[in-house]
Amino acid sequence: MAANGARGEVAALLAGSERRLCLTLGALAEIETGLGVDGLSGLAERMRTLSALDLMTVLAALLRGGEERALADQLDRAGVDPREAAEAVAKAFAAAAG
């Protein structure tokens, strides 16, 4: 499963498998809603102090953006390492910025 860089997708190792993540407009809206923020400035501020639950919310939205709905919908049972999750989120946001 290759990530489409032209679309802004990134590949990340999560729970032993390579997965696609993508910061789509839908994922961004889902993240804003899930974190209870309004707009990019509020999101940027909130991303500095994510709780574990916040990290799962963001990761699930990015997985859905990368069309990895099955993992996103069962993320709480998937056994994703917190460091892997944080690295995957950072990688997806870096790809969107750049």
PDB file of N, CA and C in Angstrom:
ATOM      1  N   MET A   1       0.845  -1.166   0.000  1.00  0.00           N
ATOM      2  CA  MET A   1       0.000   0.000   0.000  1.00  0.00           C
ATOM      3  C   MET A   1       0.897   1.237   0.000  1.00  0.00           C
ATOM      4  N   ALA A   2       0.981   1.863  -1.121  1.00  0.00           N
ATOM      5  CA  ALA A   2       1.846   3.030  -1.252  1.00  0.00           C
ATOM      6  C   ALA A   2       1.061   4.310  -0.978  1.00  0.00           C
ATOM      7  N   ALA A   3       1.728   5.235  -0.313  1.00  0.00           N
ATOM      8  CA  ALA A   3       1.124   6.537  -0.054  1.00  0.00           C
ATOM      9  C   ALA A   3       1.273   7.410  -1.293  1.00  0.00           C
ATOM     10  N   ASN A   4       0.244   8.172  -1.594  1.00  0.00           N
ATOM     11  CA  ASN A   4       0.256   9.073  -2.739  1.00  0.00           C
ATOM     12  C   ASN A   4       0.707  10.451  -2.254  1.00  0.00           C
ATOM     13  N   GLY A   5       1.983  10.745  -2.426  1.00  0.00           N
ATOM     14  CA  GLY A   5       2.549  12.014  -1.967  1.00  0.00           C
ATOM     15  C   GLY A   5       1.910  13.219  -2.626  1.00  0.00           C
ATOM     16  N   ALA A   6       1.464  13.076  -3.872  1.00  0.00           N
ATOM     17  CA  ALA A   6       0.821  14.191  -4.570  1.00  0.00           C
ATOM     18  C   ALA A   6      -0.491  14.565  -3.898  1.00  0.00           C
ATOM     19  N   ARG A   7      -1.110  13.614  -3.249  1.00  0.00           N
ATOM     20  CA  ARG A   7      -2.365  13.854  -2.527  1.00  0.00           C
ATOM     21  C   ARG A   7      -2.109  14.313  -1.096  1.00  0.00           C
ATOM     22  N   GLY A   8      -0.855  14.238  -0.652  1.00  0.00           N
ATOM     23  CA  GLY A   8      -0.519  14.619   0.714  1.00  0.00           C
ATOM     24  C   GLY A   8      -0.525  13.462   1.676  1.00  0.00           C
ATOM     25  N   GLU A   9      -0.629  12.243   1.151  1.00  0.00           N
ATOM     26  CA  GLU A   9      -0.617  11.071   2.006  1.00  0.00           C
ATOM     27  C   GLU A   9       0.798  10.765   2.489  1.00  0.00           C
ATOM     28  N   VAL A  10       0.878  10.181   3.661  1.00  0.00           N
ATOM     29  CA  VAL A  10       2.137   9.674   4.185  1.00  0.00           C
ATOM     30  C   VAL A  10       1.913   8.244   4.645  1.00  0.00           C
ATOM     31  N   ALA A  11       2.990   7.473   4.672  1.00  0.00           N
ATOM     32  CA  ALA A  11       2.931   6.110   5.194  1.00  0.00           C
ATOM     33  C   ALA A  11       3.564   6.108   6.579  1.00  0.00           C
ATOM     34  N   ALA A  12       2.941   5.373   7.483  1.00  0.00           N
ATOM     35  CA  ALA A  12       3.462   5.275   8.846  1.00  0.00           C
ATOM     36  C   ALA A  12       3.227   3.861   9.354  1.00  0.00           C
ATOM     37  N   LEU A  13       4.166   3.379  10.141  1.00  0.00           N
ATOM     38  CA  LEU A  13       4.046   2.067  10.754  1.00  0.00           C
ATOM     39  C   LEU A  13       3.219   2.197  12.028  1.00  0.00           C
ATOM     40  N   LEU A  14       2.074   1.527  12.053  1.00  0.00           N
ATOM     41  CA  LEU A  14       1.181   1.547  13.214  1.00  0.00           C
ATOM     42  C   LEU A  14       0.735   0.128  13.524  1.00  0.00           C
ATOM     43  N   ALA A  15       0.957  -0.321  14.743  1.00  0.00           N
ATOM     44  CA  ALA A  15       0.551  -1.662  15.187  1.00  0.00           C
ATOM     45  C   ALA A  15       1.076  -2.745  14.251  1.00  0.00           C
ATOM     46  N   GLY A  16       2.309  -2.562  13.783  1.00  0.00           N
ATOM     47  CA  GLY A  16       2.965  -3.578  12.967  1.00  0.00           C
ATOM     48  C   GLY A  16       2.657  -3.556  11.485  1.00  0.00           C
ATOM     49  N   SER A  17       1.850  -2.628  11.032  1.00  0.00           N
ATOM     50  CA  SER A  17       1.507  -2.555   9.604  1.00  0.00           C
ATOM     51  C   SER A  17       1.692  -1.140   9.096  1.00  0.00           C
ATOM     52  N   GLU A  18       2.067  -1.039   7.823  1.00  0.00           N
ATOM     53  CA  GLU A  18       2.169   0.280   7.207  1.00  0.00           C
ATOM     54  C   GLU A  18       0.775   0.782   6.868  1.00  0.00           C
ATOM     55  N   ARG A  19       0.489   2.010   7.273  1.00  0.00           N
ATOM     56  CA  ARG A  19      -0.822   2.618   7.059  1.00  0.00           C
ATOM     57  C   ARG A  19      -0.669   3.973   6.394  1.00  0.00           C
ATOM     58  N   ARG A  20      -1.712   4.387   5.660  1.00  0.00           N
ATOM     59  CA  ARG A  20      -1.739   5.707   5.029  1.00  0.00           C
ATOM     60  C   ARG A  20      -2.481   6.683   5.918  1.00  0.00           C
ATOM     61  N   LEU A  21      -1.942   7.899   6.010  1.00  0.00           N
ATOM     62  CA  LEU A  21      -2.593   8.990   6.720  1.00  0.00           C
ATOM     63  C   LEU A  21      -2.622  10.181   5.788  1.00  0.00           C
ATOM     64  N   CYS A  22      -3.666  11.007   5.915  1.00  0.00           N
ATOM     65  CA  CYS A  22      -3.756  12.189   5.074  1.00  0.00           C
ATOM     66  C   CYS A  22      -4.578  13.258   5.779  1.00  0.00           C
ATOM     67  N   LEU A  23      -4.047  14.465   5.798  1.00  0.00           N
ATOM     68  CA  LEU A  23      -4.771  15.597   6.378  1.00  0.00           C
ATOM     69  C   LEU A  23      -5.639  16.206   5.286  1.00  0.00           C
ATOM     70  N   THR A  24      -6.829  15.654   5.137  1.00  0.00           N
ATOM     71  CA  THR A  24      -7.801  16.174   4.178  1.00  0.00           C
ATOM     72  C   THR A  24      -8.629  17.263   4.858  1.00  0.00           C
ATOM     73  N   LEU A  25      -9.431  17.956   4.090  1.00  0.00           N
ATOM     74  CA  LEU A  25     -10.320  18.956   4.663  1.00  0.00           C
ATOM     75  C   LEU A  25     -11.302  18.297   5.633  1.00  0.00           C
ATOM     76  N   GLY A  26     -11.790  17.119   5.268  1.00  0.00           N
ATOM     77  CA  GLY A  26     -12.691  16.388   6.154  1.00  0.00           C
ATOM     78  C   GLY A  26     -12.004  15.983   7.446  1.00  0.00           C
ATOM     79  N   ALA A  27     -10.754  15.523   7.345  1.00  0.00           N
ATOM     80  CA  ALA A  27     -10.003  15.155   8.543  1.00  0.00           C
ATOM     81  C   ALA A  27      -9.773  16.371   9.422  1.00  0.00           C
ATOM     82  N   LEU A  28      -9.460  17.490   8.808  1.00  0.00           N
ATOM     83  CA  LEU A  28      -9.244  18.729   9.563  1.00  0.00           C
ATOM     84  C   LEU A  28     -10.510  19.139  10.312  1.00  0.00           C
ATOM     85  N   ALA A  29     -11.644  19.060   9.654  1.00  0.00           N
ATOM     86  CA  ALA A  29     -12.913  19.393  10.302  1.00  0.00           C
ATOM     87  C   ALA A  29     -13.205  18.423  11.447  1.00  0.00           C
ATOM     88  N   GLU A  30     -12.924  17.147  11.229  1.00  0.00           N
ATOM     89  CA  GLU A  30     -13.136  16.140  12.272  1.00  0.00           C
ATOM     90  C   GLU A  30     -12.238  16.409  13.482  1.00  0.00           C
ATOM     91  N   ILE A  31     -11.003  16.793  13.229  1.00  0.00           N
ATOM     92  CA  ILE A  31     -10.067  17.106  14.309  1.00  0.00           C
ATOM     93  C   ILE A  31     -10.537  18.327  15.082  1.00  0.00           C
ATOM     94  N   GLU A  32     -10.924  19.386  14.383  1.00  0.00           N
ATOM     95  CA  GLU A  32     -11.417  20.592  15.058  1.00  0.00           C
ATOM     96  C   GLU A  32     -12.611  20.263  15.948  1.00  0.00           C
ATOM     97  N   THR A  33     -13.545  19.493  15.425  1.00  0.00           N
ATOM     98  CA  THR A  33     -14.729  19.112  16.196  1.00  0.00           C
ATOM     99  C   THR A  33     -14.352  18.237  17.385  1.00  0.00           C
ATOM    100  N   GLY A  34     -13.512  17.232  17.140  1.00  0.00           N
ATOM    101  CA  GLY A  34     -13.116  16.309  18.195  1.00  0.00           C
ATOM    102  C   GLY A  34     -12.349  16.972  19.325  1.00  0.00           C
ATOM    103  N   LEU A  35     -11.571  17.993  18.984  1.00  0.00           N
ATOM    104  CA  LEU A  35     -10.785  18.694  20.003  1.00  0.00           C
ATOM    105  C   LEU A  35     -11.506  19.918  20.549  1.00  0.00           C
ATOM    106  N   GLY A  36     -12.659  20.238  19.985  1.00  0.00           N
ATOM    107  CA  GLY A  36     -13.439  21.366  20.470  1.00  0.00           C
ATOM    108  C   GLY A  36     -12.795  22.711  20.215  1.00  0.00           C
ATOM    109  N   VAL A  37     -12.160  22.849  19.050  1.00  0.00           N
ATOM    110  CA  VAL A  37     -11.524  24.118  18.695  1.00  0.00           C
ATOM    111  C   VAL A  37     -12.186  24.670  17.445  1.00  0.00           C
ATOM    112  N   ASP A  38     -11.980  25.969  17.232  1.00  0.00           N
ATOM    113  CA  ASP A  38     -12.551  26.628  16.072  1.00  0.00           C
ATOM    114  C   ASP A  38     -11.442  27.325  15.309  1.00  0.00           C
ATOM    115  N   GLY A  39     -11.122  26.816  14.143  1.00  0.00           N
ATOM    116  CA  GLY A  39     -10.122  27.456  13.289  1.00  0.00           C
ATOM    117  C   GLY A  39      -8.711  26.940  13.506  1.00  0.00           C
ATOM    118  N   LEU A  40      -7.858  27.317  12.574  1.00  0.00           N
ATOM    119  CA  LEU A  40      -6.483  26.818  12.584  1.00  0.00           C
ATOM    120  C   LEU A  40      -5.651  27.350  13.739  1.00  0.00           C
ATOM    121  N   SER A  41      -5.885  28.593  14.160  1.00  0.00           N
ATOM    122  CA  SER A  41      -5.088  29.114  15.269  1.00  0.00           C
ATOM    123  C   SER A  41      -5.431  28.379  16.560  1.00  0.00           C
ATOM    124  N   GLY A  42      -6.696  28.092  16.773  1.00  0.00           N
ATOM    125  CA  GLY A  42      -7.095  27.321  17.944  1.00  0.00           C
ATOM    126  C   GLY A  42      -6.567  25.906  17.894  1.00  0.00           C
ATOM    127  N   LEU A  43      -6.563  25.333  16.708  1.00  0.00           N
ATOM    128  CA  LEU A  43      -6.036  23.980  16.540  1.00  0.00           C
ATOM    129  C   LEU A  43      -4.542  23.944  16.818  1.00  0.00           C
ATOM    130  N   ALA A  44      -3.806  24.911  16.293  1.00  0.00           N
ATOM    131  CA  ALA A  44      -2.355  24.959  16.507  1.00  0.00           C
ATOM    132  C   ALA A  44      -2.030  25.036  18.001  1.00  0.00           C
ATOM    133  N   GLU A  45      -2.775  25.844  18.717  1.00  0.00           N
ATOM    134  CA  GLU A  45      -2.559  25.979  20.164  1.00  0.00           C
ATOM    135  C   GLU A  45      -2.868  24.668  20.887  1.00  0.00           C
ATOM    136  N   ARG A  46      -3.966  24.062  20.528  1.00  0.00           N
ATOM    137  CA  ARG A  46      -4.387  22.817  21.192  1.00  0.00           C
ATOM    138  C   ARG A  46      -3.438  21.658  20.899  1.00  0.00           C
ATOM    139  N   MET A  47      -2.852  21.624  19.710  1.00  0.00           N
ATOM    140  CA  MET A  47      -1.946  20.533  19.326  1.00  0.00           C
ATOM    141  C   MET A  47      -0.684  20.520  20.188  1.00  0.00           C
ATOM    142  N   ARG A  48      -0.383  21.611  20.848  1.00  0.00           N
ATOM    143  CA  ARG A  48       0.813  21.674  21.701  1.00  0.00           C
ATOM    144  C   ARG A  48       0.653  20.876  22.988  1.00  0.00           C
ATOM    145  N   THR A  49      -0.572  20.603  23.391  1.00  0.00           N
ATOM    146  CA  THR A  49      -0.818  19.932  24.667  1.00  0.00           C
ATOM    147  C   THR A  49      -1.848  18.821  24.517  1.00  0.00           C
ATOM    148  N   LEU A  50      -1.602  17.888  23.624  1.00  0.00           N
ATOM    149  CA  LEU A  50      -2.545  16.802  23.388  1.00  0.00           C
ATOM    150  C   LEU A  50      -2.518  15.779  24.523  1.00  0.00           C
ATOM    151  N   SER A  51      -3.686  15.349  24.935  1.00  0.00           N
ATOM    152  CA  SER A  51      -3.788  14.212  25.846  1.00  0.00           C
ATOM    153  C   SER A  51      -3.752  12.937  24.997  1.00  0.00           C
ATOM    154  N   ALA A  52      -3.725  11.802  25.652  1.00  0.00           N
ATOM    155  CA  ALA A  52      -3.751  10.531  24.926  1.00  0.00           C
ATOM    156  C   ALA A  52      -5.048  10.399  24.123  1.00  0.00           C
ATOM    157  N   LEU A  53      -6.151  10.816  24.709  1.00  0.00           N
ATOM    158  CA  LEU A  53      -7.431  10.762  23.998  1.00  0.00           C
ATOM    159  C   LEU A  53      -7.429  11.697  22.795  1.00  0.00           C
ATOM    160  N   ASP A  54      -6.856  12.880  22.964  1.00  0.00           N
ATOM    161  CA  ASP A  54      -6.741  13.828  21.853  1.00  0.00           C
ATOM    162  C   ASP A  54      -5.908  13.221  20.722  1.00  0.00           C
ATOM    163  N   LEU A  55      -4.803  12.572  21.083  1.00  0.00           N
ATOM    164  CA  LEU A  55      -3.928  11.960  20.085  1.00  0.00           C
ATOM    165  C   LEU A  55      -4.681  10.892  19.298  1.00  0.00           C
ATOM    166  N   MET A  56      -5.496  10.107  19.978  1.00  0.00           N
ATOM    167  CA  MET A  56      -6.300   9.095  19.280  1.00  0.00           C
ATOM    168  C   MET A  56      -7.323   9.742  18.352  1.00  0.00           C
ATOM    169  N   THR A  57      -7.904  10.849  18.779  1.00  0.00           N
ATOM    170  CA  THR A  57      -8.875  11.574  17.951  1.00  0.00           C
ATOM    171  C   THR A  57      -8.220  12.065  16.666  1.00  0.00           C
ATOM    172  N   VAL A  58      -7.051  12.666  16.806  1.00  0.00           N
ATOM    173  CA  VAL A  58      -6.323  13.201  15.652  1.00  0.00           C
ATOM    174  C   VAL A  58      -5.879  12.065  14.732  1.00  0.00           C
ATOM    175  N   LEU A  59      -5.301  11.014  15.313  1.00  0.00           N
ATOM    176  CA  LEU A  59      -4.827   9.890  14.513  1.00  0.00           C
ATOM    177  C   LEU A  59      -5.968   9.233  13.758  1.00  0.00           C
ATOM    178  N   ALA A  60      -7.098   9.031  14.404  1.00  0.00           N
ATOM    179  CA  ALA A  60      -8.244   8.404  13.732  1.00  0.00           C
ATOM    180  C   ALA A  60      -8.707   9.246  12.543  1.00  0.00           C
ATOM    181  N   ALA A  61      -8.762  10.560  12.710  1.00  0.00           N
ATOM    182  CA  ALA A  61      -9.180  11.434  11.605  1.00  0.00           C
ATOM    183  C   ALA A  61      -8.193  11.356  10.445  1.00  0.00           C
ATOM    184  N   LEU A  62      -6.901  11.345  10.751  1.00  0.00           N
ATOM    185  CA  LEU A  62      -5.888  11.255   9.695  1.00  0.00           C
ATOM    186  C   LEU A  62      -5.930   9.903   8.989  1.00  0.00           C
ATOM    187  N   LEU A  63      -6.212   8.842   9.728  1.00  0.00           N
ATOM    188  CA  LEU A  63      -6.356   7.522   9.109  1.00  0.00           C
ATOM    189  C   LEU A  63      -7.566   7.496   8.185  1.00  0.00           C
ATOM    190  N   ARG A  64      -8.672   8.077   8.617  1.00  0.00           N
ATOM    191  CA  ARG A  64      -9.846   8.136   7.738  1.00  0.00           C
ATOM    192  C   ARG A  64      -9.533   8.962   6.486  1.00  0.00           C
ATOM    193  N   GLY A  65      -8.768  10.036   6.648  1.00  0.00           N
ATOM    194  CA  GLY A  65      -8.349  10.836   5.494  1.00  0.00           C
ATOM    195  C   GLY A  65      -7.507  10.036   4.523  1.00  0.00           C
ATOM    196  N   GLY A  66      -6.751   9.085   5.041  1.00  0.00           N
ATOM    197  CA  GLY A  66      -5.939   8.203   4.202  1.00  0.00           C
ATOM    198  C   GLY A  66      -6.661   6.941   3.785  1.00  0.00           C
ATOM    199  N   GLU A  67      -7.973   6.909   4.018  1.00  0.00           N
ATOM    200  CA  GLU A  67      -8.844   5.793   3.652  1.00  0.00           C
ATOM    201  C   GLU A  67      -8.504   4.509   4.395  1.00  0.00           C
ATOM    202  N   GLU A  68      -8.105   4.659   5.648  1.00  0.00           N
ATOM    203  CA  GLU A  68      -7.818   3.527   6.539  1.00  0.00           C
ATOM    204  C   GLU A  68      -8.913   3.463   7.605  1.00  0.00           C
ATOM    205  N   ARG A  69     -10.158   3.409   7.143  1.00  0.00           N
ATOM    206  CA  ARG A  69     -11.306   3.493   8.052  1.00  0.00           C
ATOM    207  C   ARG A  69     -11.377   2.338   9.054  1.00  0.00           C
ATOM    208  N   ALA A  70     -11.023   1.134   8.636  1.00  0.00           N
ATOM    209  CA  ALA A  70     -11.129  -0.019   9.535  1.00  0.00           C
ATOM    210  C   ALA A  70     -10.271   0.185  10.779  1.00  0.00           C
ATOM    211  N   LEU A  71      -9.030   0.610  10.598  1.00  0.00           N
ATOM    212  CA  LEU A  71      -8.164   0.854  11.755  1.00  0.00           C
ATOM    213  C   LEU A  71      -8.657   2.060  12.542  1.00  0.00           C
ATOM    214  N   ALA A  72      -9.057   3.108  11.859  1.00  0.00           N
ATOM    215  CA  ALA A  72      -9.531   4.319  12.538  1.00  0.00           C
ATOM    216  C   ALA A  72     -10.710   4.014  13.446  1.00  0.00           C
ATOM    217  N   ASP A  73     -11.618   3.167  12.985  1.00  0.00           N
ATOM    218  CA  ASP A  73     -12.821   2.856  13.749  1.00  0.00           C
ATOM    219  C   ASP A  73     -12.561   1.918  14.924  1.00  0.00           C
ATOM    220  N   GLN A  74     -11.410   1.239  14.937  1.00  0.00           N
ATOM    221  CA  GLN A  74     -11.078   0.313  16.021  1.00  0.00           C
ATOM    222  C   GLN A  74      -9.754   0.671  16.680  1.00  0.00           C
ATOM    223  N   LEU A  75      -9.405   1.919  16.639  1.00  0.00           N
ATOM    224  CA  LEU A  75      -8.104   2.375  17.121  1.00  0.00           C
ATOM    225  C   LEU A  75      -7.877   2.045  18.592  1.00  0.00           C
ATOM    226  N   ASP A  76      -8.921   2.092  19.394  1.00  0.00           N
ATOM    227  CA  ASP A  76      -8.766   1.819  20.826  1.00  0.00           C
ATOM    228  C   ASP A  76      -8.385   0.368  21.112  1.00  0.00           C
ATOM    229  N   ARG A  77      -8.608  -0.536  20.163  1.00  0.00           N
ATOM    230  CA  ARG A  77      -8.265  -1.948  20.342  1.00  0.00           C
ATOM    231  C   ARG A  77      -7.096  -2.396  19.470  1.00  0.00           C
ATOM    232  N   ALA A  78      -6.475  -1.482  18.757  1.00  0.00           N
ATOM    233  CA  ALA A  78      -5.472  -1.848  17.757  1.00  0.00           C
ATOM    234  C   ALA A  78      -4.071  -2.053  18.311  1.00  0.00           C
ATOM    235  N   GLY A  79      -3.809  -1.595  19.518  1.00  0.00           N
ATOM    236  CA  GLY A  79      -2.483  -1.769  20.090  1.00  0.00           C
ATOM    237  C   GLY A  79      -1.427  -0.871  19.465  1.00  0.00           C
ATOM    238  N   VAL A  80      -1.807   0.338  19.118  1.00  0.00           N
ATOM    239  CA  VAL A  80      -0.866   1.302  18.529  1.00  0.00           C
ATOM    240  C   VAL A  80       0.006   1.870  19.632  1.00  0.00           C
ATOM    241  N   ASP A  81       1.304   1.844  19.428  1.00  0.00           N
ATOM    242  CA  ASP A  81       2.259   2.415  20.371  1.00  0.00           C
ATOM    243  C   ASP A  81       2.108   3.937  20.377  1.00  0.00           C
ATOM    244  N   PRO A  82       2.098   4.566  21.560  1.00  0.00           N
ATOM    245  CA  PRO A  82       1.927   6.025  21.614  1.00  0.00           C
ATOM    246  C   PRO A  82       2.998   6.794  20.838  1.00  0.00           C
ATOM    247  N   ARG A  83       4.231   6.305  20.854  1.00  0.00           N
ATOM    248  CA  ARG A  83       5.295   6.991  20.092  1.00  0.00           C
ATOM    249  C   ARG A  83       5.042   6.886  18.600  1.00  0.00           C
ATOM    250  N   GLU A  84       4.604   5.705  18.146  1.00  0.00           N
ATOM    251  CA  GLU A  84       4.264   5.545  16.729  1.00  0.00           C
ATOM    252  C   GLU A  84       3.135   6.496  16.348  1.00  0.00           C
ATOM    253  N   ALA A  85       2.138   6.602  17.221  1.00  0.00           N
ATOM    254  CA  ALA A  85       1.000   7.474  16.949  1.00  0.00           C
ATOM    255  C   ALA A  85       1.451   8.924  16.825  1.00  0.00           C
ATOM    256  N   ALA A  86       2.269   9.384  17.767  1.00  0.00           N
ATOM    257  CA  ALA A  86       2.739  10.773  17.749  1.00  0.00           C
ATOM    258  C   ALA A  86       3.592  11.044  16.512  1.00  0.00           C
ATOM    259  N   GLU A  87       4.463  10.103  16.154  1.00  0.00           N
ATOM    260  CA  GLU A  87       5.309  10.279  14.968  1.00  0.00           C
ATOM    261  C   GLU A  87       4.459  10.307  13.699  1.00  0.00           C
ATOM    262  N   ALA A  88       3.436   9.464  13.629  1.00  0.00           N
ATOM    263  CA  ALA A  88       2.569   9.423  12.446  1.00  0.00           C
ATOM    264  C   ALA A  88       1.799  10.725  12.286  1.00  0.00           C
ATOM    265  N   VAL A  89       1.293  11.258  13.401  1.00  0.00           N
ATOM    266  CA  VAL A  89       0.554  12.523  13.357  1.00  0.00           C
ATOM    267  C   VAL A  89       1.475  13.647  12.907  1.00  0.00           C
ATOM    268  N   ALA A  90       2.667  13.701  13.484  1.00  0.00           N
ATOM    269  CA  ALA A  90       3.630  14.738  13.111  1.00  0.00           C
ATOM    270  C   ALA A  90       3.988  14.644  11.628  1.00  0.00           C
ATOM    271  N   LYS A  91       4.177  13.435  11.147  1.00  0.00           N
ATOM    272  CA  LYS A  91       4.537  13.222   9.745  1.00  0.00           C
ATOM    273  C   LYS A  91       3.407  13.688   8.808  1.00  0.00           C
ATOM    274  N   ALA A  92       2.170  13.408   9.177  1.00  0.00           N
ATOM    275  CA  ALA A  92       1.024  13.807   8.342  1.00  0.00           C
ATOM    276  C   ALA A  92       0.891  15.329   8.294  1.00  0.00           C
ATOM    277  N   PHE A  93       1.069  15.998   9.448  1.00  0.00           N
ATOM    278  CA  PHE A  93       0.966  17.455   9.459  1.00  0.00           C
ATOM    279  C   PHE A  93       2.136  18.082   8.705  1.00  0.00           C
ATOM    280  N   ALA A  94       3.318  17.496   8.810  1.00  0.00           N
ATOM    281  CA  ALA A  94       4.487  18.024   8.086  1.00  0.00           C
ATOM    282  C   ALA A  94       4.271  17.900   6.574  1.00  0.00           C
ATOM    283  N   ALA A  95       3.701  16.797   6.133  1.00  0.00           N
ATOM    284  CA  ALA A  95       3.439  16.625   4.702  1.00  0.00           C
ATOM    285  C   ALA A  95       2.416  17.629   4.195  1.00  0.00           C
ATOM    286  N   ALA A  96       1.428  17.929   5.022  1.00  0.00           N
ATOM    287  CA  ALA A  96       0.399  18.895   4.617  1.00  0.00           C
ATOM    288  C   ALA A  96       0.954  20.310   4.543  1.00  0.00           C
ATOM    289  N   ALA A  97       1.952  20.589   5.370  1.00  0.00           N
ATOM    290  CA  ALA A  97       2.541  21.927   5.402  1.00  0.00           C
ATOM    291  C   ALA A  97       3.539  22.145   4.282  1.00  0.00           C
ATOM    292  N   GLY A  98       4.002  21.035   3.747  1.00  0.00           N
ATOM    293  CA  GLY A  98       5.051  21.242   2.891  1.00  0.00           C
ATOM    294  C   GLY A  98       5.375  20.986   1.575  1.00  0.00           C
TER     295      GLY A  98
END
